[in-house]
Amino acid sequence: MTRTPQDCFSNHGEALNAGDLPRLLEDYTEDAVLMTHDGVFEGRDAIRGFFSAALSALPDVKFTFGSATFAGDALLLRWSASSPQGRIDDAVDTFVFSDGMIRLQTASFSVVPA
């Protein structure tokens, strides 16, 4: 049975807060694309590099998910994060899901150093 976008995102959020990179990457299709202000990351290996660097820059980070608006296979999400090294207060991501996995994600946020 294919996961719903809501199921996929629920797992995604739990994996992020656990810092579980392998579990997090299971949510992405092999050819997924992540678009950020730092560039475009194509495929799981590139996405792994992005999240590895992000989680290293904000150790012990905790994510808080605000409004999540689902429409079909799409999600618009507002979120924030805090770490001893800094915080993110203004994040907005979009997700497009395919067969219960993330096919496309855009992320817009600013890190405020501690």
PDB file of N, CA and C in Angstrom:
ATOM      1  N   MET A   1       0.837  -1.188   0.000  1.00  0.00           N
ATOM      2  CA  MET A   1       0.000   0.000   0.000  1.00  0.00           C
ATOM      3  C   MET A   1       0.883   1.254   0.000  1.00  0.00           C
ATOM      4  N   THR A   2       0.588   2.173  -0.871  1.00  0.00           N
ATOM      5  CA  THR A   2       1.342   3.416  -0.983  1.00  0.00           C
ATOM      6  C   THR A   2       0.981   4.358   0.155  1.00  0.00           C
ATOM      7  N   ARG A   3       1.995   5.002   0.710  1.00  0.00           N
ATOM      8  CA  ARG A   3       1.745   5.985   1.761  1.00  0.00           C
ATOM      9  C   ARG A   3       1.072   7.219   1.175  1.00  0.00           C
ATOM     10  N   THR A   4       0.287   7.888   1.992  1.00  0.00           N
ATOM     11  CA  THR A   4      -0.282   9.171   1.598  1.00  0.00           C
ATOM     12  C   THR A   4       0.787  10.252   1.782  1.00  0.00           C
ATOM     13  N   PRO A   5       0.603  11.418   1.158  1.00  0.00           N
ATOM     14  CA  PRO A   5       1.526  12.520   1.433  1.00  0.00           C
ATOM     15  C   PRO A   5       1.602  12.841   2.922  1.00  0.00           C
ATOM     16  N   GLN A   6       0.473  12.751   3.617  1.00  0.00           N
ATOM     17  CA  GLN A   6       0.468  13.021   5.061  1.00  0.00           C
ATOM     18  C   GLN A   6       1.325  12.001   5.811  1.00  0.00           C
ATOM     19  N   ASP A   7       1.235  10.718   5.438  1.00  0.00           N
ATOM     20  CA  ASP A   7       2.058   9.677   6.064  1.00  0.00           C
ATOM     21  C   ASP A   7       3.537   9.943   5.816  1.00  0.00           C
ATOM     22  N   CYS A   8       3.866  10.272   4.578  1.00  0.00           N
ATOM     23  CA  CYS A   8       5.252  10.534   4.219  1.00  0.00           C
ATOM     24  C   CYS A   8       5.790  11.716   5.021  1.00  0.00           C
ATOM     25  N   PHE A   9       5.014  12.801   5.086  1.00  0.00           N
ATOM     26  CA  PHE A   9       5.508  13.964   5.809  1.00  0.00           C
ATOM     27  C   PHE A   9       5.619  13.697   7.306  1.00  0.00           C
ATOM     28  N   SER A  10       4.712  12.915   7.864  1.00  0.00           N
ATOM     29  CA  SER A  10       4.795  12.564   9.277  1.00  0.00           C
ATOM     30  C   SER A  10       6.120  11.860   9.568  1.00  0.00           C
ATOM     31  N   ASN A  11       6.481  10.891   8.726  1.00  0.00           N
ATOM     32  CA  ASN A  11       7.752  10.195   8.887  1.00  0.00           C
ATOM     33  C   ASN A  11       8.919  11.164   8.713  1.00  0.00           C
ATOM     34  N   HIS A  12       8.802  12.052   7.741  1.00  0.00           N
ATOM     35  CA  HIS A  12       9.851  13.029   7.440  1.00  0.00           C
ATOM     36  C   HIS A  12      10.137  13.909   8.662  1.00  0.00           C
ATOM     37  N   GLY A  13       9.079  14.409   9.277  1.00  0.00           N
ATOM     38  CA  GLY A  13       9.241  15.255  10.454  1.00  0.00           C
ATOM     39  C   GLY A  13       9.858  14.510  11.620  1.00  0.00           C
ATOM     40  N   GLU A  14       9.424  13.277  11.844  1.00  0.00           N
ATOM     41  CA  GLU A  14       9.992  12.468  12.932  1.00  0.00           C
ATOM     42  C   GLU A  14      11.472  12.202  12.677  1.00  0.00           C
ATOM     43  N   ALA A  15      11.832  11.880  11.430  1.00  0.00           N
ATOM     44  CA  ALA A  15      13.235  11.608  11.090  1.00  0.00           C
ATOM     45  C   ALA A  15      14.085  12.860  11.266  1.00  0.00           C
ATOM     46  N   LEU A  16      13.568  14.018  10.861  1.00  0.00           N
ATOM     47  CA  LEU A  16      14.312  15.269  11.041  1.00  0.00           C
ATOM     48  C   LEU A  16      14.595  15.521  12.519  1.00  0.00           C
ATOM     49  N   ASN A  17      13.575  15.429  13.356  1.00  0.00           N
ATOM     50  CA  ASN A  17      13.766  15.714  14.777  1.00  0.00           C
ATOM     51  C   ASN A  17      14.632  14.675  15.473  1.00  0.00           C
ATOM     52  N   ALA A  18      14.707  13.474  14.917  1.00  0.00           N
ATOM     53  CA  ALA A  18      15.584  12.441  15.474  1.00  0.00           C
ATOM     54  C   ALA A  18      17.009  12.553  14.921  1.00  0.00           C
ATOM     55  N   GLY A  19      17.194  13.397  13.906  1.00  0.00           N
ATOM     56  CA  GLY A  19      18.505  13.493  13.260  1.00  0.00           C
ATOM     57  C   GLY A  19      18.869  12.222  12.516  1.00  0.00           C
ATOM     58  N   ASP A  20      17.854  11.472  12.095  1.00  0.00           N
ATOM     59  CA  ASP A  20      18.042  10.169  11.448  1.00  0.00           C
ATOM     60  C   ASP A  20      18.110  10.356   9.930  1.00  0.00           C
ATOM     61  N   LEU A  21      19.309  10.622   9.422  1.00  0.00           N
ATOM     62  CA  LEU A  21      19.492  10.903   8.007  1.00  0.00           C
ATOM     63  C   LEU A  21      19.102   9.740   7.105  1.00  0.00           C
ATOM     64  N   PRO A  22      19.487   8.482   7.410  1.00  0.00           N
ATOM     65  CA  PRO A  22      19.050   7.381   6.544  1.00  0.00           C
ATOM     66  C   PRO A  22      17.523   7.273   6.443  1.00  0.00           C
ATOM     67  N   ARG A  23      16.844   7.404   7.559  1.00  0.00           N
ATOM     68  CA  ARG A  23      15.369   7.348   7.548  1.00  0.00           C
ATOM     69  C   ARG A  23      14.789   8.518   6.771  1.00  0.00           C
ATOM     70  N   LEU A  24      15.372   9.703   6.938  1.00  0.00           N
ATOM     71  CA  LEU A  24      14.929  10.889   6.227  1.00  0.00           C
ATOM     72  C   LEU A  24      15.028  10.686   4.716  1.00  0.00           C
ATOM     73  N   LEU A  25      16.134  10.130   4.258  1.00  0.00           N
ATOM     74  CA  LEU A  25      16.360   9.954   2.822  1.00  0.00           C
ATOM     75  C   LEU A  25      15.424   8.933   2.205  1.00  0.00           C
ATOM     76  N   GLU A  26      14.900   8.007   3.001  1.00  0.00           N
ATOM     77  CA  GLU A  26      13.942   7.021   2.487  1.00  0.00           C
ATOM     78  C   GLU A  26      12.652   7.678   1.997  1.00  0.00           C
ATOM     79  N   ASP A  27      12.393   8.924   2.414  1.00  0.00           N
ATOM     80  CA  ASP A  27      11.185   9.620   2.000  1.00  0.00           C
ATOM     81  C   ASP A  27      11.292  10.206   0.594  1.00  0.00           C
ATOM     82  N   TYR A  28      12.501  10.265   0.038  1.00  0.00           N
ATOM     83  CA  TYR A  28      12.730  10.882  -1.272  1.00  0.00           C
ATOM     84  C   TYR A  28      12.830   9.833  -2.370  1.00  0.00           C
ATOM     85  N   THR A  29      12.283  10.153  -3.549  1.00  0.00           N
ATOM     86  CA  THR A  29      12.490   9.288  -4.707  1.00  0.00           C
ATOM     87  C   THR A  29      13.971   9.353  -5.085  1.00  0.00           C
ATOM     88  N   GLU A  30      14.452   8.365  -5.809  1.00  0.00           N
ATOM     89  CA  GLU A  30      15.867   8.341  -6.223  1.00  0.00           C
ATOM     90  C   GLU A  30      16.254   9.598  -6.996  1.00  0.00           C
ATOM     91  N   ASP A  31      15.319  10.118  -7.797  1.00  0.00           N
ATOM     92  CA  ASP A  31      15.617  11.278  -8.635  1.00  0.00           C
ATOM     93  C   ASP A  31      14.985  12.564  -8.095  1.00  0.00           C
ATOM     94  N   ALA A  32      14.713  12.607  -6.800  1.00  0.00           N
ATOM     95  CA  ALA A  32      14.091  13.784  -6.187  1.00  0.00           C
ATOM     96  C   ALA A  32      14.961  15.022  -6.380  1.00  0.00           C
ATOM     97  N   VAL A  33      14.305  16.177  -6.318  1.00  0.00           N
ATOM     98  CA  VAL A  33      14.985  17.462  -6.440  1.00  0.00           C
ATOM     99  C   VAL A  33      14.627  18.309  -5.225  1.00  0.00           C
ATOM    100  N   LEU A  34      15.666  18.898  -4.611  1.00  0.00           N
ATOM    101  CA  LEU A  34      15.508  19.840  -3.504  1.00  0.00           C
ATOM    102  C   LEU A  34      16.073  21.173  -3.980  1.00  0.00           C
ATOM    103  N   MET A  35      15.232  22.206  -3.969  1.00  0.00           N
ATOM    104  CA  MET A  35      15.641  23.534  -4.406  1.00  0.00           C
ATOM    105  C   MET A  35      15.688  24.465  -3.199  1.00  0.00           C
ATOM    106  N   THR A  36      16.849  25.121  -2.981  1.00  0.00           N
ATOM    107  CA  THR A  36      17.021  26.066  -1.880  1.00  0.00           C
ATOM    108  C   THR A  36      17.717  27.316  -2.422  1.00  0.00           C
ATOM    109  N   HIS A  37      17.876  28.301  -1.554  1.00  0.00           N
ATOM    110  CA  HIS A  37      18.607  29.502  -1.950  1.00  0.00           C
ATOM    111  C   HIS A  37      20.094  29.199  -2.183  1.00  0.00           C
ATOM    112  N   ASP A  38      20.565  28.058  -1.701  1.00  0.00           N
ATOM    113  CA  ASP A  38      21.958  27.644  -1.919  1.00  0.00           C
ATOM    114  C   ASP A  38      22.139  26.871  -3.213  1.00  0.00           C
ATOM    115  N   GLY A  39      21.050  26.546  -3.898  1.00  0.00           N
ATOM    116  CA  GLY A  39      21.159  25.831  -5.158  1.00  0.00           C
ATOM    117  C   GLY A  39      20.167  24.694  -5.263  1.00  0.00           C
ATOM    118  N   VAL A  40      20.371  23.900  -6.309  1.00  0.00           N
ATOM    119  CA  VAL A  40      19.509  22.767  -6.603  1.00  0.00           C
ATOM    120  C   VAL A  40      20.273  21.490  -6.294  1.00  0.00           C
ATOM    121  N   PHE A  41      19.645  20.598  -5.555  1.00  0.00           N
ATOM    122  CA  PHE A  41      20.246  19.324  -5.167  1.00  0.00           C
ATOM    123  C   PHE A  41      19.419  18.230  -5.832  1.00  0.00           C
ATOM    124  N   GLU A  42      20.030  17.529  -6.775  1.00  0.00           N
ATOM    125  CA  GLU A  42      19.322  16.527  -7.566  1.00  0.00           C
ATOM    126  C   GLU A  42      19.750  15.127  -7.180  1.00  0.00           C
ATOM    127  N   GLY A  43      18.792  14.297  -6.799  1.00  0.00           N
ATOM    128  CA  GLY A  43      19.044  12.914  -6.422  1.00  0.00           C
ATOM    129  C   GLY A  43      19.331  12.769  -4.935  1.00  0.00           C
ATOM    130  N   ARG A  44      19.163  11.548  -4.452  1.00  0.00           N
ATOM    131  CA  ARG A  44      19.327  11.285  -3.008  1.00  0.00           C
ATOM    132  C   ARG A  44      20.725  11.609  -2.500  1.00  0.00           C
ATOM    133  N   ASP A  45      21.764  11.332  -3.287  1.00  0.00           N
ATOM    134  CA  ASP A  45      23.124  11.615  -2.810  1.00  0.00           C
ATOM    135  C   ASP A  45      23.326  13.103  -2.568  1.00  0.00           C
ATOM    136  N   ALA A  46      22.855  13.937  -3.486  1.00  0.00           N
ATOM    137  CA  ALA A  46      22.984  15.384  -3.320  1.00  0.00           C
ATOM    138  C   ALA A  46      22.137  15.870  -2.143  1.00  0.00           C
ATOM    139  N   ILE A  47      20.934  15.316  -2.009  1.00  0.00           N
ATOM    140  CA  ILE A  47      20.063  15.694  -0.891  1.00  0.00           C
ATOM    141  C   ILE A  47      20.691  15.250   0.422  1.00  0.00           C
ATOM    142  N   ARG A  48      21.327  14.090   0.435  1.00  0.00           N
ATOM    143  CA  ARG A  48      22.052  13.626   1.632  1.00  0.00           C
ATOM    144  C   ARG A  48      23.111  14.658   2.023  1.00  0.00           C
ATOM    145  N   GLY A  49      23.861  15.150   1.045  1.00  0.00           N
ATOM    146  CA  GLY A  49      24.890  16.152   1.323  1.00  0.00           C
ATOM    147  C   GLY A  49      24.312  17.424   1.922  1.00  0.00           C
ATOM    148  N   PHE A  50      23.187  17.881   1.385  1.00  0.00           N
ATOM    149  CA  PHE A  50      22.545  19.081   1.918  1.00  0.00           C
ATOM    150  C   PHE A  50      22.147  18.886   3.379  1.00  0.00           C
ATOM    151  N   PHE A  51      21.417  17.801   3.663  1.00  0.00           N
ATOM    152  CA  PHE A  51      20.943  17.581   5.028  1.00  0.00           C
ATOM    153  C   PHE A  51      22.085  17.276   5.996  1.00  0.00           C
ATOM    154  N   SER A  52      23.109  16.589   5.547  1.00  0.00           N
ATOM    155  CA  SER A  52      24.262  16.320   6.399  1.00  0.00           C
ATOM    156  C   SER A  52      24.914  17.632   6.834  1.00  0.00           C
ATOM    157  N   ALA A  53      25.104  18.543   5.885  1.00  0.00           N
ATOM    158  CA  ALA A  53      25.694  19.845   6.206  1.00  0.00           C
ATOM    159  C   ALA A  53      24.766  20.666   7.103  1.00  0.00           C
ATOM    160  N   ALA A  54      23.466  20.650   6.801  1.00  0.00           N
ATOM    161  CA  ALA A  54      22.509  21.439   7.582  1.00  0.00           C
ATOM    162  C   ALA A  54      22.432  20.946   9.025  1.00  0.00           C
ATOM    163  N   LEU A  55      22.366  19.628   9.201  1.00  0.00           N
ATOM    164  CA  LEU A  55      22.283  19.079  10.558  1.00  0.00           C
ATOM    165  C   LEU A  55      23.583  19.270  11.327  1.00  0.00           C
ATOM    166  N   SER A  56      24.709  19.303  10.631  1.00  0.00           N
ATOM    167  CA  SER A  56      25.995  19.575  11.286  1.00  0.00           C
ATOM    168  C   SER A  56      26.099  21.041  11.705  1.00  0.00           C
ATOM    169  N   ALA A  57      25.559  21.944  10.882  1.00  0.00           N
ATOM    170  CA  ALA A  57      25.619  23.373  11.185  1.00  0.00           C
ATOM    171  C   ALA A  57      24.721  23.748  12.361  1.00  0.00           C
ATOM    172  N   LEU A  58      23.643  22.988  12.556  1.00  0.00           N
ATOM    173  CA  LEU A  58      22.713  23.243  13.658  1.00  0.00           C
ATOM    174  C   LEU A  58      22.576  21.980  14.504  1.00  0.00           C
ATOM    175  N   PRO A  59      23.611  21.662  15.290  1.00  0.00           N
ATOM    176  CA  PRO A  59      23.546  20.439  16.103  1.00  0.00           C
ATOM    177  C   PRO A  59      22.416  20.506  17.127  1.00  0.00           C
ATOM    178  N   ASP A  60      21.870  19.340  17.430  1.00  0.00           N
ATOM    179  CA  ASP A  60      20.781  19.228  18.402  1.00  0.00           C
ATOM    180  C   ASP A  60      19.570  20.080  18.017  1.00  0.00           C
ATOM    181  N   VAL A  61      19.358  20.246  16.731  1.00  0.00           N
ATOM    182  CA  VAL A  61      18.249  21.066  16.244  1.00  0.00           C
ATOM    183  C   VAL A  61      16.907  20.394  16.523  1.00  0.00           C
ATOM    184  N   LYS A  62      15.939  21.209  16.835  1.00  0.00           N
ATOM    185  CA  LYS A  62      14.558  20.750  17.006  1.00  0.00           C
ATOM    186  C   LYS A  62      13.687  21.559  16.059  1.00  0.00           C
ATOM    187  N   PHE A  63      12.916  20.852  15.264  1.00  0.00           N
ATOM    188  CA  PHE A  63      12.036  21.478  14.285  1.00  0.00           C
ATOM    189  C   PHE A  63      10.628  21.575  14.861  1.00  0.00           C
ATOM    190  N   THR A  64       9.959  22.684  14.570  1.00  0.00           N
ATOM    191  CA  THR A  64       8.567  22.888  14.941  1.00  0.00           C
ATOM    192  C   THR A  64       7.803  23.139  13.651  1.00  0.00           C
ATOM    193  N   PHE A  65       6.792  22.340  13.401  1.00  0.00           N
ATOM    194  CA  PHE A  65       6.018  22.458  12.177  1.00  0.00           C
ATOM    195  C   PHE A  65       4.750  23.242  12.457  1.00  0.00           C
ATOM    196  N   GLY A  66       4.583  24.325  11.713  1.00  0.00           N
ATOM    197  CA  GLY A  66       3.414  25.185  11.862  1.00  0.00           C
ATOM    198  C   GLY A  66       2.317  24.732  10.925  1.00  0.00           C
ATOM    199  N   SER A  67       1.769  25.660  10.180  1.00  0.00           N
ATOM    200  CA  SER A  67       0.661  25.321   9.291  1.00  0.00           C
ATOM    201  C   SER A  67       1.125  24.417   8.159  1.00  0.00           C
ATOM    202  N   ALA A  68       0.360  23.385   7.916  1.00  0.00           N
ATOM    203  CA  ALA A  68       0.624  22.435   6.831  1.00  0.00           C
ATOM    204  C   ALA A  68      -0.647  22.345   5.995  1.00  0.00           C
ATOM    205  N   THR A  69      -0.567  22.817   4.765  1.00  0.00           N
ATOM    206  CA  THR A  69      -1.718  22.810   3.874  1.00  0.00           C
ATOM    207  C   THR A  69      -1.479  21.805   2.763  1.00  0.00           C
ATOM    208  N   PHE A  70      -2.267  20.734   2.776  1.00  0.00           N
ATOM    209  CA  PHE A  70      -2.172  19.690   1.758  1.00  0.00           C
ATOM    210  C   PHE A  70      -3.248  19.915   0.700  1.00  0.00           C
ATOM    211  N   ALA A  71      -2.881  19.662  -0.554  1.00  0.00           N
ATOM    212  CA  ALA A  71      -3.840  19.664  -1.661  1.00  0.00           C
ATOM    213  C   ALA A  71      -3.383  18.586  -2.630  1.00  0.00           C
ATOM    214  N   GLY A  72      -4.102  17.477  -2.662  1.00  0.00           N
ATOM    215  CA  GLY A  72      -3.695  16.372  -3.532  1.00  0.00           C
ATOM    216  C   GLY A  72      -2.305  15.879  -3.153  1.00  0.00           C
ATOM    217  N   ASP A  73      -1.379  15.931  -4.103  1.00  0.00           N
ATOM    218  CA  ASP A  73      -0.006  15.470  -3.864  1.00  0.00           C
ATOM    219  C   ASP A  73       0.949  16.601  -3.523  1.00  0.00           C
ATOM    220  N   ALA A  74       0.427  17.715  -3.033  1.00  0.00           N
ATOM    221  CA  ALA A  74       1.267  18.877  -2.706  1.00  0.00           C
ATOM    222  C   ALA A  74       1.071  19.292  -1.257  1.00  0.00           C
ATOM    223  N   LEU A  75       2.110  19.914  -0.709  1.00  0.00           N
ATOM    224  CA  LEU A  75       2.091  20.416   0.670  1.00  0.00           C
ATOM    225  C   LEU A  75       2.792  21.768   0.705  1.00  0.00           C
ATOM    226  N   LEU A  76       2.180  22.730   1.382  1.00  0.00           N
ATOM    227  CA  LEU A  76       2.808  24.004   1.709  1.00  0.00           C
ATOM    228  C   LEU A  76       2.974  24.014   3.220  1.00  0.00           C
ATOM    229  N   LEU A  77       4.206  24.200   3.681  1.00  0.00           N
ATOM    230  CA  LEU A  77       4.526  24.057   5.101  1.00  0.00           C
ATOM    231  C   LEU A  77       5.273  25.268   5.621  1.00  0.00           C
ATOM    232  N   ARG A  78       4.841  25.765   6.760  1.00  0.00           N
ATOM    233  CA  ARG A  78       5.608  26.776   7.508  1.00  0.00           C
ATOM    234  C   ARG A  78       6.246  26.059   8.686  1.00  0.00           C
ATOM    235  N   TRP A  79       7.528  26.357   8.955  1.00  0.00           N
ATOM    236  CA  TRP A  79       8.220  25.695  10.041  1.00  0.00           C
ATOM    237  C   TRP A  79       9.271  26.613  10.641  1.00  0.00           C
ATOM    238  N   SER A  80       9.765  26.213  11.812  1.00  0.00           N
ATOM    239  CA  SER A  80      10.856  26.913  12.480  1.00  0.00           C
ATOM    240  C   SER A  80      11.761  25.854  13.095  1.00  0.00           C
ATOM    241  N   ALA A  81      12.935  26.295  13.543  1.00  0.00           N
ATOM    242  CA  ALA A  81      13.888  25.357  14.143  1.00  0.00           C
ATOM    243  C   ALA A  81      14.753  26.112  15.137  1.00  0.00           C
ATOM    244  N   SER A  82      15.228  25.382  16.141  1.00  0.00           N
ATOM    245  CA  SER A  82      16.138  25.998  17.107  1.00  0.00           C
ATOM    246  C   SER A  82      17.235  25.009  17.477  1.00  0.00           C
ATOM    247  N   SER A  83      18.412  25.571  17.692  1.00  0.00           N
ATOM    248  CA  SER A  83      19.611  24.811  18.031  1.00  0.00           C
ATOM    249  C   SER A  83      20.476  25.709  18.903  1.00  0.00           C
ATOM    250  N   PRO A  84      21.383  25.125  19.690  1.00  0.00           N
ATOM    251  CA  PRO A  84      22.314  25.974  20.433  1.00  0.00           C
ATOM    252  C   PRO A  84      23.150  26.876  19.516  1.00  0.00           C
ATOM    253  N   GLN A  85      23.264  26.527  18.233  1.00  0.00           N
ATOM    254  CA  GLN A  85      24.070  27.302  17.292  1.00  0.00           C
ATOM    255  C   GLN A  85      23.276  28.365  16.533  1.00  0.00           C
ATOM    256  N   GLY A  86      21.956  28.309  16.593  1.00  0.00           N
ATOM    257  CA  GLY A  86      21.157  29.296  15.873  1.00  0.00           C
ATOM    258  C   GLY A  86      19.708  28.876  15.777  1.00  0.00           C
ATOM    259  N   ARG A  87      18.943  29.689  15.031  1.00  0.00           N
ATOM    260  CA  ARG A  87      17.526  29.390  14.899  1.00  0.00           C
ATOM    261  C   ARG A  87      17.039  29.796  13.507  1.00  0.00           C
ATOM    262  N   ILE A  88      15.907  29.244  13.141  1.00  0.00           N
ATOM    263  CA  ILE A  88      15.218  29.580  11.903  1.00  0.00           C
ATOM    264  C   ILE A  88      13.787  29.916  12.296  1.00  0.00           C
ATOM    265  N   ASP A  89      13.344  31.114  11.932  1.00  0.00           N
ATOM    266  CA  ASP A  89      12.008  31.562  12.323  1.00  0.00           C
ATOM    267  C   ASP A  89      11.051  31.717  11.142  1.00  0.00           C
ATOM    268  N   ASP A  90      11.562  31.740   9.919  1.00  0.00           N
ATOM    269  CA  ASP A  90      10.790  32.193   8.770  1.00  0.00           C
ATOM    270  C   ASP A  90      10.661  31.164   7.648  1.00  0.00           C
ATOM    271  N   ALA A  91      10.746  29.892   7.953  1.00  0.00           N
ATOM    272  CA  ALA A  91      10.838  28.875   6.909  1.00  0.00           C
ATOM    273  C   ALA A  91       9.500  28.552   6.252  1.00  0.00           C
ATOM    274  N   VAL A  92       9.576  28.386   4.929  1.00  0.00           N
ATOM    275  CA  VAL A  92       8.438  27.932   4.133  1.00  0.00           C
ATOM    276  C   VAL A  92       8.966  26.923   3.125  1.00  0.00           C
ATOM    277  N   ASP A  93       8.361  25.743   3.113  1.00  0.00           N
ATOM    278  CA  ASP A  93       8.726  24.707   2.150  1.00  0.00           C
ATOM    279  C   ASP A  93       7.494  24.310   1.355  1.00  0.00           C
ATOM    280  N   THR A  94       7.735  23.856   0.134  1.00  0.00           N
ATOM    281  CA  THR A  94       6.701  23.191  -0.635  1.00  0.00           C
ATOM    282  C   THR A  94       7.202  21.795  -0.958  1.00  0.00           C
ATOM    283  N   PHE A  95       6.290  20.861  -1.034  1.00  0.00           N
ATOM    284  CA  PHE A  95       6.599  19.471  -1.363  1.00  0.00           C
ATOM    285  C   PHE A  95       5.633  19.011  -2.454  1.00  0.00           C
ATOM    286  N   VAL A  96       6.141  18.206  -3.375  1.00  0.00           N
ATOM    287  CA  VAL A  96       5.304  17.493  -4.334  1.00  0.00           C
ATOM    288  C   VAL A  96       5.631  16.017  -4.147  1.00  0.00           C
ATOM    289  N   PHE A  97       4.601  15.215  -3.916  1.00  0.00           N
ATOM    290  CA  PHE A  97       4.764  13.793  -3.636  1.00  0.00           C
ATOM    291  C   PHE A  97       4.396  12.972  -4.863  1.00  0.00           C
ATOM    292  N   SER A  98       5.014  11.805  -4.966  1.00  0.00           N
ATOM    293  CA  SER A  98       4.693  10.856  -6.025  1.00  0.00           C
ATOM    294  C   SER A  98       4.799   9.458  -5.432  1.00  0.00           C
ATOM    295  N   ASP A  99       3.742   8.676  -5.526  1.00  0.00           N
ATOM    296  CA  ASP A  99       3.738   7.312  -4.992  1.00  0.00           C
ATOM    297  C   ASP A  99       4.195   7.260  -3.542  1.00  0.00           C
ATOM    298  N   GLY A 100       3.734   8.223  -2.724  1.00  0.00           N
ATOM    299  CA  GLY A 100       4.025   8.214  -1.297  1.00  0.00           C
ATOM    300  C   GLY A 100       5.423   8.660  -0.919  1.00  0.00           C
ATOM    301  N   MET A 101       6.134   9.301  -1.867  1.00  0.00           N
ATOM    302  CA  MET A 101       7.497   9.773  -1.604  1.00  0.00           C
ATOM    303  C   MET A 101       7.637  11.210  -2.090  1.00  0.00           C
ATOM    304  N   ILE A 102       8.645  11.904  -1.581  1.00  0.00           N
ATOM    305  CA  ILE A 102       8.901  13.280  -1.990  1.00  0.00           C
ATOM    306  C   ILE A 102       9.632  13.268  -3.330  1.00  0.00           C
ATOM    307  N   ARG A 103       9.038  13.933  -4.319  1.00  0.00           N
ATOM    308  CA  ARG A 103       9.643  14.040  -5.643  1.00  0.00           C
ATOM    309  C   ARG A 103      10.317  15.398  -5.814  1.00  0.00           C
ATOM    310  N   LEU A 104       9.707  16.437  -5.221  1.00  0.00           N
ATOM    311  CA  LEU A 104      10.225  17.797  -5.320  1.00  0.00           C
ATOM    312  C   LEU A 104       9.989  18.510  -4.008  1.00  0.00           C
ATOM    313  N   GLN A 105      11.005  19.248  -3.565  1.00  0.00           N
ATOM    314  CA  GLN A 105      10.878  20.071  -2.363  1.00  0.00           C
ATOM    315  C   GLN A 105      11.557  21.397  -2.633  1.00  0.00           C
ATOM    316  N   THR A 106      10.908  22.495  -2.237  1.00  0.00           N
ATOM    317  CA  THR A 106      11.567  23.788  -2.223  1.00  0.00           C
ATOM    318  C   THR A 106      11.651  24.212  -0.768  1.00  0.00           C
ATOM    319  N   ALA A 107      12.720  24.912  -0.423  1.00  0.00           N
ATOM    320  CA  ALA A 107      12.912  25.347   0.971  1.00  0.00           C
ATOM    321  C   ALA A 107      13.425  26.775   0.975  1.00  0.00           C
ATOM    322  N   SER A 108      12.759  27.634   1.736  1.00  0.00           N
ATOM    323  CA  SER A 108      13.171  29.014   1.890  1.00  0.00           C
ATOM    324  C   SER A 108      13.241  29.309   3.384  1.00  0.00           C
ATOM    325  N   PHE A 109      14.430  29.737   3.844  1.00  0.00           N
ATOM    326  CA  PHE A 109      14.621  30.007   5.272  1.00  0.00           C
ATOM    327  C   PHE A 109      15.892  30.829   5.470  1.00  0.00           C
ATOM    328  N   SER A 110      15.999  31.439   6.635  1.00  0.00           N
ATOM    329  CA  SER A 110      17.186  32.200   7.039  1.00  0.00           C
ATOM    330  C   SER A 110      17.636  31.694   8.390  1.00  0.00           C
ATOM    331  N   VAL A 111      18.934  31.442   8.532  1.00  0.00           N
ATOM    332  CA  VAL A 111      19.503  31.003   9.802  1.00  0.00           C
ATOM    333  C   VAL A 111      20.008  32.239  10.558  1.00  0.00           C
ATOM    334  N   VAL A 112      19.562  32.363  11.790  1.00  0.00           N
ATOM    335  CA  VAL A 112      20.013  33.455  12.670  1.00  0.00           C
ATOM    336  C   VAL A 112      20.991  32.820  13.651  1.00  0.00           C
ATOM    337  N   PRO A 113      22.285  33.172  13.585  1.00  0.00           N
ATOM    338  CA  PRO A 113      23.260  32.573  14.510  1.00  0.00           C
ATOM    339  C   PRO A 113      22.936  32.908  15.969  1.00  0.00           C
ATOM    340  N   ALA A 114      23.316  32.004  16.870  1.00  0.00           N
ATOM    341  CA  ALA A 114      23.075  32.194  18.305  1.00  0.00           C
ATOM    342  C   ALA A 114      23.970  33.294  18.834  1.00  0.00           C
TER     343      ALA A 114
END
